[in-house]
């Protein structure tokens, strides 16, 4: 009902309303930061409710219509039938630790097997996020000491301990973490779950919501321009 009322007002030129958006940490850094200026230029009076999380923690709100869109990785299982899921771009992971980390000189994943590790919550089983990477490298599973569900928790943990984390590359590229976190320059390369955009099927979008989706699609190259995590830029809009 809210969306229907706002759609009528926005199509009549009254550019207010509300848009509820869920973003993973990487999507905050790599998507929201890029599309937000362009969106606010078009819809300066639309109130944005921004929620940080991963799909398992935001799925219920998305299904119940409390979130309009989710942008971030999805668990590596079949996608829910009542969700519209589109791939935005492939992504990659790097090992991240605090600046001047004692293991900064490591060059192989096996050099980090005895370190303490932190994970996020892309999957419901925290160990899943590391098990595949270490198994494929033939390295024993490390000690999983921390599990976090927010960027702030992850940031504080990494800065104030010797924990390491396998994080999307956007973490070390974000100005927010410069001087606090840095990449451990391993020789191996690690694939990250792709960044996806998810909407509930059958749930109408307001013009503001449709414009936000358009901006994200444009950023991700869904206009036909190939793109990856290393070439994201939306500054021209």
Protein backbone atom coordinates (compact mmCIF):
# COMPACT_ATOMS: atom_id res chain seq x y z
CA UNK A 1 0.00 0.00 0.00
CA UNK A 2 2.83 2.42 0.87
CA UNK A 3 4.54 1.73 -2.44
CA UNK A 4 1.32 2.29 -4.37
CA UNK A 5 0.69 5.66 -2.72
CA UNK A 6 4.29 6.77 -3.22
CA UNK A 7 4.23 5.64 -6.86
CA UNK A 8 1.22 7.84 -7.57
CA UNK A 9 2.82 10.83 -5.84
CA UNK A 10 6.20 10.37 -7.52
CA UNK A 11 4.64 10.00 -10.98
CA UNK A 12 2.76 13.25 -10.28
CA UNK A 13 6.03 15.04 -9.56
CA UNK A 14 6.02 14.81 -5.76
CA UNK A 15 9.49 13.28 -5.32
CA UNK A 16 9.31 12.15 -1.71
CA UNK A 17 8.72 8.76 -0.06
CA UNK A 18 10.90 6.01 1.39
CA UNK A 19 13.18 3.34 0.01
CA UNK A 20 14.49 0.49 2.19
CA UNK A 21 17.76 -1.02 0.98
CA UNK A 22 19.92 -3.84 2.33
CA UNK A 23 23.65 -3.99 1.58
CA UNK A 24 26.46 -6.32 2.46
CA UNK A 25 29.69 -4.72 3.64
CA UNK A 26 31.33 -5.04 0.22
CA UNK A 27 28.23 -3.62 -1.47
CA UNK A 28 28.33 -0.61 0.86
CA UNK A 29 31.88 0.12 -0.27
CA UNK A 30 31.58 -0.88 -3.94
CA UNK A 31 27.96 -0.07 -4.89
CA UNK A 32 26.17 2.27 -2.47
CA UNK A 33 29.08 4.71 -2.33
CA UNK A 34 28.98 4.97 -6.12
CA UNK A 35 25.23 5.26 -6.82
CA UNK A 36 24.15 7.34 -3.81
CA UNK A 37 25.17 10.79 -5.16
CA UNK A 38 23.35 10.23 -8.46
CA UNK A 39 20.25 8.92 -6.72
CA UNK A 40 20.03 11.89 -4.35
CA UNK A 41 20.39 14.33 -7.21
CA UNK A 42 17.25 12.85 -8.80
CA UNK A 43 15.32 12.14 -5.58
CA UNK A 44 16.65 14.51 -2.88
CA UNK A 45 13.54 14.16 -0.70
CA UNK A 46 13.24 10.37 -0.69
CA UNK A 47 14.18 8.99 2.71
CA UNK A 48 16.60 6.08 2.46
CA UNK A 49 16.54 3.37 5.13
CA UNK A 50 19.88 1.62 4.79
CA UNK A 51 20.41 -1.76 6.46
CA UNK A 52 23.73 -3.60 6.70
CA UNK A 53 23.67 -7.35 6.56
CA UNK A 54 23.98 -10.50 4.49
CA UNK A 55 21.19 -12.37 2.76
CA UNK A 56 20.60 -14.94 5.54
CA UNK A 57 19.96 -12.15 8.05
CA UNK A 58 17.89 -9.96 5.70
CA UNK A 59 15.91 -12.61 3.81
CA UNK A 60 12.83 -12.41 6.06
CA UNK A 61 12.56 -8.62 5.78
CA UNK A 62 12.99 -8.84 2.01
CA UNK A 63 10.31 -11.52 1.74
CA UNK A 64 7.91 -9.55 3.96
CA UNK A 65 8.35 -6.38 1.92
CA UNK A 66 10.20 -4.48 4.65
CA UNK A 67 13.21 -4.21 2.31
CA UNK A 68 12.84 -3.18 -1.32
CA UNK A 69 16.22 -4.43 -2.57
CA UNK A 70 19.21 -6.39 -1.27
CA UNK A 71 22.66 -6.02 -2.84
CA UNK A 72 25.43 -8.39 -1.82
CA UNK A 73 26.59 -12.02 -2.02
CA UNK A 74 24.20 -14.95 -1.79
CA UNK A 75 24.78 -18.34 -0.17
CA UNK A 76 25.96 -20.91 -2.70
CA UNK A 77 22.62 -22.76 -2.78
CA UNK A 78 19.53 -22.58 -4.95
CA UNK A 79 17.92 -19.16 -5.04
CA UNK A 80 14.45 -18.83 -3.43
CA UNK A 81 11.63 -19.18 -5.95
CA UNK A 82 9.91 -16.02 -4.70
CA UNK A 83 12.99 -13.85 -5.26
CA UNK A 84 14.25 -12.18 -8.42
CA UNK A 85 18.05 -12.54 -8.39
CA UNK A 86 20.42 -10.90 -10.87
CA UNK A 87 24.20 -11.05 -10.93
CA UNK A 88 25.90 -7.66 -10.86
CA UNK A 89 29.61 -8.51 -11.03
CA UNK A 90 32.18 -11.11 -10.12
CA UNK A 91 34.32 -10.41 -7.11
CA UNK A 92 37.54 -11.53 -5.46
CA UNK A 93 38.84 -11.93 -1.93
CA UNK A 94 42.06 -10.90 -0.26
CA UNK A 95 43.47 -11.66 3.16
CA UNK A 96 43.16 -8.62 5.40
CA UNK A 97 44.83 -7.74 8.71
CA UNK A 98 45.76 -4.68 10.71
CA UNK A 99 48.53 -2.43 9.48
CA UNK A 100 51.98 -3.66 10.55
CA UNK A 101 50.58 -7.14 11.12
CA UNK A 102 53.29 -9.60 12.28
CA UNK A 103 52.40 -11.87 9.33
CA UNK A 104 52.63 -9.12 6.71
CA UNK A 105 55.59 -10.93 5.16
CA UNK A 106 53.57 -14.09 4.41
CA UNK A 107 53.32 -15.04 0.76
CA UNK A 108 51.41 -18.33 0.82
CA UNK A 109 48.15 -19.31 2.50
CA UNK A 110 50.01 -22.09 4.27
CA UNK A 111 52.06 -19.41 6.06
CA UNK A 112 48.85 -18.29 7.78
CA UNK A 113 47.53 -21.66 8.96
CA UNK A 114 48.39 -20.99 12.61
CA UNK A 115 46.90 -17.49 12.72
CA UNK A 116 43.62 -16.57 14.38
CA UNK A 117 40.85 -15.92 11.85
CA UNK A 118 37.63 -13.95 11.69
CA UNK A 119 34.63 -14.62 9.42
CA UNK A 120 31.49 -12.77 8.51
CA UNK A 121 28.04 -14.26 7.98
CA UNK A 122 27.50 -14.82 4.27
CA UNK A 123 26.47 -18.38 5.10
CA UNK A 124 24.69 -19.78 8.13
CA UNK A 125 27.76 -21.91 8.94
CA UNK A 126 30.70 -19.59 9.63
CA UNK A 127 33.31 -22.26 8.87
CA UNK A 128 31.95 -22.68 5.33
CA UNK A 129 33.47 -19.35 4.37
CA UNK A 130 37.01 -20.61 5.02
CA UNK A 131 36.77 -24.37 4.60
CA UNK A 132 36.62 -24.44 0.81
CA UNK A 133 39.51 -22.00 0.38
CA UNK A 134 41.82 -23.87 2.74
CA UNK A 135 40.78 -27.30 1.48
CA UNK A 136 41.48 -26.37 -2.14
CA UNK A 137 44.91 -25.08 -1.10
CA UNK A 138 45.67 -28.29 0.79
CA UNK A 139 46.04 -26.36 4.05
CA UNK A 140 44.54 -27.37 7.38
CA UNK A 141 41.55 -25.41 8.63
CA UNK A 142 42.72 -22.47 10.78
CA UNK A 143 41.41 -21.42 14.15
CA UNK A 144 38.14 -19.54 13.74
CA UNK A 145 38.09 -17.24 16.77
CA UNK A 146 35.74 -14.42 15.72
CA UNK A 147 32.48 -14.26 13.78
CA UNK A 148 31.01 -10.83 13.03
CA UNK A 149 27.80 -9.56 11.45
CA UNK A 150 28.60 -5.88 10.94
CA UNK A 151 31.34 -3.80 9.37
CA UNK A 152 31.99 -2.03 12.68
CA UNK A 153 32.46 -5.31 14.56
CA UNK A 154 34.78 -6.61 11.85
CA UNK A 155 36.76 -3.38 11.71
CA UNK A 156 37.26 -3.14 15.48
CA UNK A 157 38.23 -6.81 15.71
CA UNK A 158 40.78 -6.63 12.92
CA UNK A 159 42.33 -3.36 14.10
CA UNK A 160 42.73 -4.39 17.74
CA UNK A 161 43.83 -8.02 17.37
CA UNK A 162 46.14 -10.09 15.20
CA UNK A 163 43.13 -11.79 13.57
CA UNK A 164 43.06 -12.19 9.80
CA UNK A 165 40.03 -12.32 7.53
CA UNK A 166 39.30 -13.36 3.96
CA UNK A 167 37.41 -10.28 2.78
CA UNK A 168 36.14 -8.86 -0.52
CA UNK A 169 38.73 -6.67 -2.19
CA UNK A 170 36.54 -3.59 -1.60
CA UNK A 171 37.64 -3.70 2.03
CA UNK A 172 41.21 -2.68 1.30
CA UNK A 173 40.21 -0.24 -1.43
CA UNK A 174 37.81 1.77 0.76
CA UNK A 175 39.16 5.14 2.01
CA UNK A 176 37.51 4.38 5.36
CA UNK A 177 40.10 1.73 6.26
CA UNK A 178 43.24 3.40 4.90
CA UNK A 179 45.87 3.45 7.64
CA UNK A 180 44.00 0.83 9.65
CA UNK A 181 43.87 -2.32 7.53
CA UNK A 182 45.99 -3.68 4.72
CA UNK A 183 46.17 -6.66 2.44
CA UNK A 184 48.51 -9.57 3.18
CA UNK A 185 50.11 -9.90 -0.28
CA UNK A 186 49.74 -13.61 -0.94
CA UNK A 187 50.69 -15.17 -4.26
CA UNK A 188 47.38 -17.05 -4.49
CA UNK A 189 44.23 -15.45 -5.86
CA UNK A 190 40.86 -16.11 -4.25
CA UNK A 191 37.44 -15.92 -5.84
CA UNK A 192 34.68 -14.25 -3.81
CA UNK A 193 30.95 -14.88 -4.19
CA UNK A 194 29.59 -12.57 -6.89
CA UNK A 195 27.64 -9.49 -5.89
CA UNK A 196 23.94 -9.97 -6.61
CA UNK A 197 20.83 -7.81 -6.56
CA UNK A 198 17.73 -9.41 -5.05
CA UNK A 199 14.10 -8.30 -5.07
CA UNK A 200 10.92 -10.07 -4.08
CA UNK A 201 9.00 -11.13 -7.16
CA UNK A 202 5.58 -9.58 -7.60
CA UNK A 203 6.40 -6.60 -5.38
CA UNK A 204 5.93 -3.39 -7.33
CA UNK A 205 8.64 -0.74 -7.16
CA UNK A 206 8.12 3.00 -6.90
CA UNK A 207 9.71 5.22 -9.56
CA UNK A 208 12.43 6.02 -7.02
CA UNK A 209 13.04 2.33 -6.47
CA UNK A 210 13.13 1.67 -10.20
CA UNK A 211 15.65 4.47 -10.63
CA UNK A 212 17.86 3.06 -7.89
CA UNK A 213 17.78 -0.36 -9.58
CA UNK A 214 18.63 1.33 -12.89
CA UNK A 215 21.67 3.04 -11.33
CA UNK A 216 22.93 -0.23 -9.88
CA UNK A 217 22.47 -2.00 -13.21
CA UNK A 218 24.28 0.80 -15.01
CA UNK A 219 27.16 0.64 -12.55
CA UNK A 220 27.44 -3.11 -12.91
CA UNK A 221 27.61 -3.03 -16.69
CA UNK A 222 24.20 -4.56 -17.34
CA UNK A 223 23.88 -2.08 -20.19
CA UNK A 224 26.24 -4.42 -22.06
CA UNK A 225 29.58 -3.06 -20.82
CA UNK A 226 31.78 -5.82 -19.31
CA UNK A 227 32.78 -5.06 -15.74
CA UNK A 228 34.49 -6.63 -12.77
CA UNK A 229 35.42 -5.67 -9.22
CA UNK A 230 38.52 -3.82 -10.42
CA UNK A 231 36.74 -1.43 -12.79
CA UNK A 232 33.72 -0.21 -10.87
CA UNK A 233 33.27 3.53 -11.26
CA UNK A 234 30.18 5.67 -11.34
CA UNK A 235 31.71 9.10 -10.91
CA UNK A 236 30.62 10.22 -14.35
CA UNK A 237 26.91 10.13 -13.37
